[in-house]
């Protein structure tokens, strides 16, 4: 919550460390930004924001399973035609984590 949660957007961002050691937030919405659903201590406003992203067809609200990158992001590519992973195709195990988190918070 201290490092990855942004109270202004009520959303989570994953972190990376630059070569100089600086910790940076990565602003692209990926499936990792939904994983805080697994936290028991998730604030209600953060839960609401994650559920909103999951229901929004321009974000993660796909017709079938949840993509690995929000559909609104330039990085989104639903076809696995690149050597890079996590650019849009669905992965069963990531969807399982989201399902478990939604169940945990009574949203499924």
Protein backbone atom coordinates (compact mmCIF):
# COMPACT_ATOMS: atom_id res chain seq x y z
CA UNK A 1 0.00 0.00 0.00
CA UNK A 2 2.83 2.38 0.82
CA UNK A 3 4.69 2.06 -2.45
CA UNK A 4 2.32 0.68 -5.08
CA UNK A 5 -1.02 2.30 -4.22
CA UNK A 6 -1.82 5.76 -5.59
CA UNK A 7 -4.58 7.38 -3.50
CA UNK A 8 -5.22 9.94 -6.25
CA UNK A 9 -6.19 7.32 -8.84
CA UNK A 10 -7.24 4.74 -6.22
CA UNK A 11 -5.22 2.27 -8.25
CA UNK A 12 -2.11 0.15 -7.99
CA UNK A 13 1.04 0.47 -10.07
CA UNK A 14 3.89 -1.96 -10.20
CA UNK A 15 7.41 -0.82 -9.53
CA UNK A 16 10.75 -1.19 -11.20
CA UNK A 17 14.21 -0.04 -10.27
CA UNK A 18 16.23 2.07 -12.67
CA UNK A 19 19.92 1.29 -13.13
CA UNK A 20 20.75 4.16 -10.79
CA UNK A 21 18.66 2.50 -8.05
CA UNK A 22 15.73 4.89 -8.29
CA UNK A 23 12.38 3.22 -7.70
CA UNK A 24 9.87 4.10 -10.43
CA UNK A 25 6.16 3.44 -10.89
CA UNK A 26 5.19 1.78 -14.14
CA UNK A 27 1.95 3.44 -15.25
CA UNK A 28 0.80 0.86 -17.84
CA UNK A 29 -2.22 -1.02 -16.53
CA UNK A 30 -1.34 -4.71 -16.55
CA UNK A 31 -2.83 -7.69 -14.80
CA UNK A 32 -0.40 -7.13 -11.92
CA UNK A 33 -2.33 -3.98 -11.03
CA UNK A 34 -5.34 -6.22 -10.30
CA UNK A 35 -3.53 -8.73 -8.05
CA UNK A 36 -4.07 -6.67 -4.85
CA UNK A 37 -7.51 -8.32 -4.93
CA UNK A 38 -5.77 -11.10 -3.01
CA UNK A 39 -5.10 -8.79 -0.04
CA UNK A 40 -7.43 -9.10 2.94
CA UNK A 41 -6.64 -5.50 3.92
CA UNK A 42 -7.61 -3.98 0.56
CA UNK A 43 -9.29 -0.57 1.14
CA UNK A 44 -12.88 -0.42 -0.14
CA UNK A 45 -12.10 2.39 -2.62
CA UNK A 46 -9.23 0.34 -4.11
CA UNK A 47 -11.52 -2.70 -4.41
CA UNK A 48 -14.13 -0.57 -6.16
CA UNK A 49 -11.51 0.75 -8.60
CA UNK A 50 -10.28 -2.76 -9.47
CA UNK A 51 -13.85 -3.98 -10.01
CA UNK A 52 -14.49 -0.93 -12.20
CA UNK A 53 -11.44 -1.79 -14.34
CA UNK A 54 -12.66 -5.38 -14.66
CA UNK A 55 -16.11 -4.26 -15.82
CA UNK A 56 -14.92 -1.55 -18.21
CA UNK A 57 -14.74 -2.89 -21.79
CA UNK A 58 -12.03 -0.32 -22.59
CA UNK A 59 -9.85 -1.65 -19.78
CA UNK A 60 -9.94 -5.32 -18.69
CA UNK A 61 -13.62 -6.08 -19.40
CA UNK A 62 -13.10 -8.48 -22.31
CA UNK A 63 -15.90 -10.75 -23.58
CA UNK A 64 -14.30 -13.91 -22.17
CA UNK A 65 -11.23 -13.86 -19.94
CA UNK A 66 -9.15 -11.01 -18.53
CA UNK A 67 -6.26 -9.90 -20.77
CA UNK A 68 -2.78 -9.35 -19.35
CA UNK A 69 -2.74 -5.69 -20.43
CA UNK A 70 -5.67 -3.24 -20.36
CA UNK A 71 -7.28 -2.89 -23.76
CA UNK A 72 -6.82 0.90 -23.53
CA UNK A 73 -3.03 0.64 -23.40
CA UNK A 74 -0.89 1.08 -26.56
CA UNK A 75 1.03 -2.04 -25.47
CA UNK A 76 -2.12 -4.19 -25.73
CA UNK A 77 -1.76 -6.91 -28.34
CA UNK A 78 -4.25 -9.79 -28.04
CA UNK A 79 -2.35 -11.93 -30.56
CA UNK A 80 0.70 -13.82 -29.32
CA UNK A 81 2.84 -12.77 -32.31
CA UNK A 82 5.78 -11.32 -30.38
CA UNK A 83 8.59 -12.70 -28.28
CA UNK A 84 7.40 -10.48 -25.41
CA UNK A 85 4.94 -11.97 -22.94
CA UNK A 86 2.20 -10.15 -21.07
CA UNK A 87 1.15 -7.83 -23.88
CA UNK A 88 -2.50 -8.83 -24.05
CA UNK A 89 -3.16 -12.54 -24.55
CA UNK A 90 -5.04 -14.24 -21.76
CA UNK A 91 -3.41 -16.64 -19.31
CA UNK A 92 -5.50 -19.09 -17.30
CA UNK A 93 -3.53 -18.88 -14.08
CA UNK A 94 -3.70 -15.07 -13.91
CA UNK A 95 -7.46 -15.25 -14.37
CA UNK A 96 -7.61 -17.79 -11.54
CA UNK A 97 -5.88 -15.30 -9.19
CA UNK A 98 -8.38 -12.58 -10.14
CA UNK A 99 -11.29 -14.98 -9.63
CA UNK A 100 -9.96 -15.94 -6.19
CA UNK A 101 -9.60 -12.27 -5.22
CA UNK A 102 -13.12 -11.43 -6.36
CA UNK A 103 -14.46 -14.41 -4.42
CA UNK A 104 -12.49 -13.34 -1.33
CA UNK A 105 -14.18 -9.92 -1.36
CA UNK A 106 -17.67 -11.20 -2.16
CA UNK A 107 -17.64 -9.85 -5.72
CA UNK A 108 -18.07 -13.21 -7.45
